[in-house]
Amino acid sequence: MPIERLKHETIHLKDGRYAVLSTARLPSGKYETMLLGQDGDEIVAAKAAGEEEALATFRYFKMVYSSPVLKGRYQKLSEDLKAAFAYGREHQGTDDGGTCNFDAPTIHLRGWSRKMVEAAAAVAGGSCSFWSLYNSYIFPVPGTGQGNSRTAAAEAAGDYLKELGYDTGMYYQMD
C-alpha cells in the first residue's frame, strides 16, 4: 500500500517562516503527522495508531505552531515589541536582588484583535496576556532576571514603547 496523504497544509509559523504540516497513512497502516520547515528540517513529528488520533495531532500542531500573517498595525506592533524587548534587556542592569516579580510594560490597544495582538507578541519573541481591569495587554520582557533587573527591563521597554507613541503603563506584581 502506498503512502496516502490525508491532510496537507502550508502554515505560517510564529517565527515568521512558512512550513508544511502533513498527516499521512503509512504503508504499515500506521499514521504520521509531520511539520517540516522551509529547508525540509523536521520541526516536530508524531505517529498514531488511528486516523482520528492522527488528525487530532494535525489540529494540535497547527494550533501550537501556526500564527496569522501579520500586516499593517499588527506587523508594526510586532516590530516595535521586538525592539522594545531588546532595549529592555540592554537596560536591565546587573543587580538582580530584590523581590522576585512579574513586572512588565502594558499597552492599551482599544479595538485591536486579541488574537492578532497575541500573534504579534509571539512573532516578536515574547508573549502577552490581557489585563481586563485596565483593558490593556501585558507584555513580559523575555530573557530578563527575576528581581530588580526584571523591573528595570520592564520599565525601559515601557519607556521605549511610550516614545513610539503607544498608550503605555506598567504591571507590577510581587511573586
C-alpha atoms as a PDB file:
ATOM      1  CA  MET A   1       0.000   0.000   0.000  1.00  0.00           C
ATOM      2  CA  PRO A   2       1.460   3.441  -0.936  1.00  0.00           C
ATOM      3  CA  ILE A   3       1.617   6.426   1.407  1.00  0.00           C
ATOM      4  CA  GLU A   4      -1.788   8.126   1.476  1.00  0.00           C
ATOM      5  CA  ARG A   5      -1.849  11.824   2.310  1.00  0.00           C
ATOM      6  CA  LEU A   6      -4.875  12.634   4.480  1.00  0.00           C
ATOM      7  CA  LYS A   7      -4.292  16.313   5.181  1.00  0.00           C
ATOM      8  CA  HIS A   8      -1.643  18.716   3.914  1.00  0.00           C
ATOM      9  CA  GLU A   9      -1.313  22.439   4.536  1.00  0.00           C
ATOM     10  CA  THR A  10       1.259  25.223   4.396  1.00  0.00           C
ATOM     11  CA  ILE A  11       1.201  27.231   7.620  1.00  0.00           C
ATOM     12  CA  HIS A  12       2.829  30.446   8.801  1.00  0.00           C
ATOM     13  CA  LEU A  13       4.980  29.850  11.886  1.00  0.00           C
ATOM     14  CA  LYS A  14       5.262  32.173  14.879  1.00  0.00           C
ATOM     15  CA  ASP A  15       8.881  32.944  13.944  1.00  0.00           C
ATOM     16  CA  GLY A  16       7.776  34.279  10.534  1.00  0.00           C
ATOM     17  CA  ARG A  17       8.778  31.262   8.438  1.00  0.00           C
ATOM     18  CA  TYR A  18       6.445  29.004   6.479  1.00  0.00           C
ATOM     19  CA  ALA A  19       6.231  25.256   6.998  1.00  0.00           C
ATOM     20  CA  VAL A  20       4.365  22.245   5.661  1.00  0.00           C
ATOM     21  CA  LEU A  21       2.058  20.356   8.003  1.00  0.00           C
ATOM     22  CA  SER A  22       1.041  16.942   6.746  1.00  0.00           C
ATOM     23  CA  THR A  23      -0.730  13.821   8.011  1.00  0.00           C
ATOM     24  CA  ALA A  24      -0.410  10.566   6.086  1.00  0.00           C
ATOM     25  CA  ARG A  25      -1.264   6.880   6.356  1.00  0.00           C
ATOM     26  CA  LEU A  26       1.979   4.907   6.031  1.00  0.00           C
ATOM     27  CA  PRO A  27       2.322   1.592   4.158  1.00  0.00           C
ATOM     28  CA  SER A  28       2.398  -0.144   7.561  1.00  0.00           C
ATOM     29  CA  GLY A  29      -1.151   1.104   8.249  1.00  0.00           C
ATOM     30  CA  LYS A  30       0.015   3.495  10.968  1.00  0.00           C
ATOM     31  CA  TYR A  31      -0.268   7.277  10.675  1.00  0.00           C
ATOM     32  CA  GLU A  32       2.263  10.079  10.926  1.00  0.00           C
ATOM     33  CA  THR A  33       1.889  13.827  11.280  1.00  0.00           C
ATOM     34  CA  MET A  34       4.918  15.988  10.499  1.00  0.00           C
ATOM     35  CA  LEU A  35       5.716  19.675  10.467  1.00  0.00           C
ATOM     36  CA  LEU A  36       8.590  20.445   8.098  1.00  0.00           C
ATOM     37  CA  GLY A  37      10.368  23.790   7.803  1.00  0.00           C
ATOM     38  CA  GLN A  38      11.155  25.555   4.530  1.00  0.00           C
ATOM     39  CA  ASP A  39      14.518  23.784   4.300  1.00  0.00           C
ATOM     40  CA  GLY A  40      12.955  20.377   4.890  1.00  0.00           C
ATOM     41  CA  ASP A  41      14.050  20.352   8.523  1.00  0.00           C
ATOM     42  CA  GLU A  42      11.733  18.404  10.803  1.00  0.00           C
ATOM     43  CA  ILE A  43      10.237  20.708  13.407  1.00  0.00           C
ATOM     44  CA  VAL A  44       8.041  18.102  15.067  1.00  0.00           C
ATOM     45  CA  ALA A  45       6.533  14.722  14.216  1.00  0.00           C
ATOM     46  CA  ALA A  46       4.231  12.212  15.859  1.00  0.00           C
ATOM     47  CA  LYS A  47       2.997   8.722  14.999  1.00  0.00           C
ATOM     48  CA  ALA A  48      -0.524   7.479  15.694  1.00  0.00           C
ATOM     49  CA  ALA A  49      -2.301   4.153  15.527  1.00  0.00           C
ATOM     50  CA  GLY A  50      -5.525   5.531  14.073  1.00  0.00           C
ATOM     51  CA  GLU A  51      -6.765   8.182  11.684  1.00  0.00           C
ATOM     52  CA  GLU A  52      -8.764  10.111  14.295  1.00  0.00           C
ATOM     53  CA  GLU A  53      -5.728  10.449  16.563  1.00  0.00           C
ATOM     54  CA  ALA A  54      -3.532  11.497  13.620  1.00  0.00           C
ATOM     55  CA  LEU A  55      -5.970  14.214  12.541  1.00  0.00           C
ATOM     56  CA  ALA A  56      -6.258  15.424  16.152  1.00  0.00           C
ATOM     57  CA  THR A  57      -2.441  15.682  16.188  1.00  0.00           C
ATOM     58  CA  PHE A  58      -2.618  17.697  12.952  1.00  0.00           C
ATOM     59  CA  ARG A  59      -5.052  20.161  14.571  1.00  0.00           C
ATOM     60  CA  TYR A  60      -2.907  20.351  17.719  1.00  0.00           C
ATOM     61  CA  PHE A  61       0.321  21.056  15.792  1.00  0.00           C
ATOM     62  CA  LYS A  62      -1.469  23.736  13.786  1.00  0.00           C
ATOM     63  CA  MET A  63      -2.829  25.375  16.949  1.00  0.00           C
ATOM     64  CA  VAL A  64       0.556  25.331  18.737  1.00  0.00           C
ATOM     65  CA  TYR A  65       2.909  26.267  15.885  1.00  0.00           C
ATOM     66  CA  SER A  66       0.936  28.461  13.484  1.00  0.00           C
ATOM     67  CA  SER A  67       0.444  32.187  13.534  1.00  0.00           C
ATOM     68  CA  PRO A  68      -1.559  34.505  11.321  1.00  0.00           C
ATOM     69  CA  VAL A  69       0.409  36.565   8.822  1.00  0.00           C
ATOM     70  CA  LEU A  70       0.861  39.994  10.370  1.00  0.00           C
ATOM     71  CA  LYS A  71       0.046  43.094   8.334  1.00  0.00           C
ATOM     72  CA  GLY A  72      -0.420  46.784   8.981  1.00  0.00           C
ATOM     73  CA  ARG A  73      -0.564  47.872  12.596  1.00  0.00           C
ATOM     74  CA  TYR A  74      -0.028  44.305  13.868  1.00  0.00           C
ATOM     75  CA  GLN A  75       3.214  43.984  11.898  1.00  0.00           C
ATOM     76  CA  LYS A  76       4.334  47.355  13.260  1.00  0.00           C
ATOM     77  CA  LEU A  77       3.392  46.312  16.816  1.00  0.00           C
ATOM     78  CA  SER A  78       5.459  43.142  16.447  1.00  0.00           C
ATOM     79  CA  GLU A  79       8.486  45.071  15.188  1.00  0.00           C
ATOM     80  CA  ASP A  80       8.102  47.651  17.959  1.00  0.00           C
ATOM     81  CA  LEU A  81       7.774  44.966  20.648  1.00  0.00           C
ATOM     82  CA  LYS A  82      10.861  43.167  19.370  1.00  0.00           C
ATOM     83  CA  ALA A  83      12.850  46.409  19.550  1.00  0.00           C
ATOM     84  CA  ALA A  84      11.389  47.249  22.993  1.00  0.00           C
ATOM     85  CA  PHE A  85      12.265  43.796  24.344  1.00  0.00           C
ATOM     86  CA  ALA A  86      15.849  44.209  23.107  1.00  0.00           C
ATOM     87  CA  TYR A  87      16.026  47.708  24.606  1.00  0.00           C
ATOM     88  CA  GLY A  88      14.696  46.414  27.922  1.00  0.00           C
ATOM     89  CA  ARG A  89      17.271  43.610  28.062  1.00  0.00           C
ATOM     90  CA  GLU A  90      20.051  46.108  27.261  1.00  0.00           C
ATOM     91  CA  HIS A  91      18.931  48.265  30.207  1.00  0.00           C
ATOM     92  CA  GLN A  92      18.169  45.606  32.806  1.00  0.00           C
ATOM     93  CA  GLY A  93      21.460  46.127  34.639  1.00  0.00           C
ATOM     94  CA  THR A  94      23.243  43.513  36.717  1.00  0.00           C
ATOM     95  CA  ASP A  95      21.500  43.900  40.094  1.00  0.00           C
ATOM     96  CA  ASP A  96      19.006  41.061  40.283  1.00  0.00           C
ATOM     97  CA  GLY A  97      18.393  41.370  44.000  1.00  0.00           C
ATOM     98  CA  GLY A  98      15.125  42.474  45.451  1.00  0.00           C
ATOM     99  CA  THR A  99      11.766  40.806  45.354  1.00  0.00           C
ATOM    100  CA  CYS A 100      11.028  38.247  42.670  1.00  0.00           C
ATOM    101  CA  ASN A 101       8.349  39.747  40.436  1.00  0.00           C
ATOM    102  CA  PHE A 102       6.336  39.618  37.236  1.00  0.00           C
ATOM    103  CA  ASP A 103       6.790  43.283  36.286  1.00  0.00           C
ATOM    104  CA  ALA A 104       6.017  44.093  32.655  1.00  0.00           C
ATOM    105  CA  PRO A 105       5.026  47.003  30.421  1.00  0.00           C
ATOM    106  CA  THR A 106       1.396  47.311  29.344  1.00  0.00           C
ATOM    107  CA  ILE A 107      -0.213  48.838  26.275  1.00  0.00           C
ATOM    108  CA  HIS A 108      -3.810  49.977  25.956  1.00  0.00           C
ATOM    109  CA  LEU A 109      -4.927  48.823  22.491  1.00  0.00           C
ATOM    110  CA  ARG A 110      -8.655  49.532  22.358  1.00  0.00           C
ATOM    111  CA  GLY A 111     -10.376  47.898  19.387  1.00  0.00           C
ATOM    112  CA  TRP A 112      -7.449  45.641  18.434  1.00  0.00           C
ATOM    113  CA  SER A 113      -7.948  41.920  17.796  1.00  0.00           C
ATOM    114  CA  ARG A 114      -6.742  39.928  20.802  1.00  0.00           C
ATOM    115  CA  LYS A 115      -5.680  37.003  18.599  1.00  0.00           C
ATOM    116  CA  MET A 116      -3.606  39.301  16.384  1.00  0.00           C
ATOM    117  CA  VAL A 117      -2.011  41.122  19.353  1.00  0.00           C
ATOM    118  CA  GLU A 118      -1.032  37.737  20.822  1.00  0.00           C
ATOM    119  CA  ALA A 119       0.392  36.728  17.421  1.00  0.00           C
ATOM    120  CA  ALA A 120       2.374  39.981  17.209  1.00  0.00           C
ATOM    121  CA  ALA A 121       3.863  39.331  20.650  1.00  0.00           C
ATOM    122  CA  ALA A 122       4.783  35.757  19.682  1.00  0.00           C
ATOM    123  CA  VAL A 123       6.436  36.858  16.431  1.00  0.00           C
ATOM    124  CA  ALA A 124       8.384  39.454  18.460  1.00  0.00           C
ATOM    125  CA  GLY A 125       9.715  36.615  20.618  1.00  0.00           C
ATOM    126  CA  GLY A 126       7.507  37.221  23.616  1.00  0.00           C
ATOM    127  CA  SER A 127       4.007  36.686  24.891  1.00  0.00           C
ATOM    128  CA  CYS A 128       1.151  38.721  26.279  1.00  0.00           C
ATOM    129  CA  SER A 129      -1.939  38.458  28.392  1.00  0.00           C
ATOM    130  CA  PHE A 130      -4.994  40.647  28.590  1.00  0.00           C
ATOM    131  CA  TRP A 131      -5.469  42.692  31.764  1.00  0.00           C
ATOM    132  CA  SER A 132      -9.230  43.210  31.844  1.00  0.00           C
ATOM    133  CA  LEU A 133      -9.160  45.561  34.859  1.00  0.00           C
ATOM    134  CA  TYR A 134      -7.364  48.196  32.751  1.00  0.00           C
ATOM    135  CA  ASN A 135      -8.355  46.960  29.283  1.00  0.00           C
ATOM    136  CA  SER A 136      -4.652  46.602  28.427  1.00  0.00           C
ATOM    137  CA  TYR A 137      -2.201  43.962  27.297  1.00  0.00           C
ATOM    138  CA  ILE A 138       0.721  42.895  29.493  1.00  0.00           C
ATOM    139  CA  PHE A 139       3.980  42.166  27.617  1.00  0.00           C
ATOM    140  CA  PRO A 140       6.640  40.491  29.820  1.00  0.00           C
ATOM    141  CA  VAL A 141      10.179  41.189  28.569  1.00  0.00           C
ATOM    142  CA  PRO A 142      11.691  37.771  27.746  1.00  0.00           C
ATOM    143  CA  GLY A 143      15.193  36.834  28.851  1.00  0.00           C
ATOM    144  CA  THR A 144      15.462  39.010  31.948  1.00  0.00           C
ATOM    145  CA  GLY A 145      16.173  38.289  35.610  1.00  0.00           C
ATOM    146  CA  GLN A 146      13.608  37.807  38.314  1.00  0.00           C
ATOM    147  CA  GLY A 147      14.056  40.777  40.664  1.00  0.00           C
ATOM    148  CA  ASN A 148      15.408  44.294  40.199  1.00  0.00           C
ATOM    149  CA  SER A 149      16.726  43.548  36.717  1.00  0.00           C
ATOM    150  CA  ARG A 150      13.266  42.399  35.564  1.00  0.00           C
ATOM    151  CA  THR A 151      11.765  45.649  36.860  1.00  0.00           C
ATOM    152  CA  ALA A 152      14.470  47.732  35.145  1.00  0.00           C
ATOM    153  CA  ALA A 153      13.979  45.867  31.837  1.00  0.00           C
ATOM    154  CA  ALA A 154      10.190  46.240  32.021  1.00  0.00           C
ATOM    155  CA  GLU A 155      10.364  49.951  32.772  1.00  0.00           C
ATOM    156  CA  ALA A 156      12.910  50.563  29.992  1.00  0.00           C
ATOM    157  CA  ALA A 157      10.786  48.621  27.470  1.00  0.00           C
ATOM    158  CA  GLY A 158       7.704  50.566  28.572  1.00  0.00           C
ATOM    159  CA  ASP A 159       9.511  53.880  28.153  1.00  0.00           C
ATOM    160  CA  TYR A 160      10.676  52.792  24.696  1.00  0.00           C
ATOM    161  CA  LEU A 161       7.118  51.938  23.639  1.00  0.00           C
ATOM    162  CA  LYS A 162       5.801  55.218  25.081  1.00  0.00           C
ATOM    163  CA  GLU A 163       8.364  57.127  22.973  1.00  0.00           C
ATOM    164  CA  LEU A 164       6.933  55.358  19.918  1.00  0.00           C
ATOM    165  CA  GLY A 165       3.505  56.779  20.762  1.00  0.00           C
ATOM    166  CA  TYR A 166       1.801  53.834  22.468  1.00  0.00           C
ATOM    167  CA  ASP A 167      -0.512  54.387  25.442  1.00  0.00           C
ATOM    168  CA  THR A 168       1.620  52.505  27.967  1.00  0.00           C
ATOM    169  CA  GLY A 169       1.581  51.688  31.643  1.00  0.00           C
ATOM    170  CA  MET A 170       3.227  49.212  33.997  1.00  0.00           C
ATOM    171  CA  TYR A 171       2.116  45.986  35.588  1.00  0.00           C
ATOM    172  CA  TYR A 172       3.824  45.434  38.931  1.00  0.00           C
ATOM    173  CA  GLN A 173       3.370  42.171  40.829  1.00  0.00           C
ATOM    174  CA  MET A 174       5.488  40.553  43.520  1.00  0.00           C
ATOM    175  CA  ASP A 175       5.875  36.803  43.476  1.00  0.00           C
END
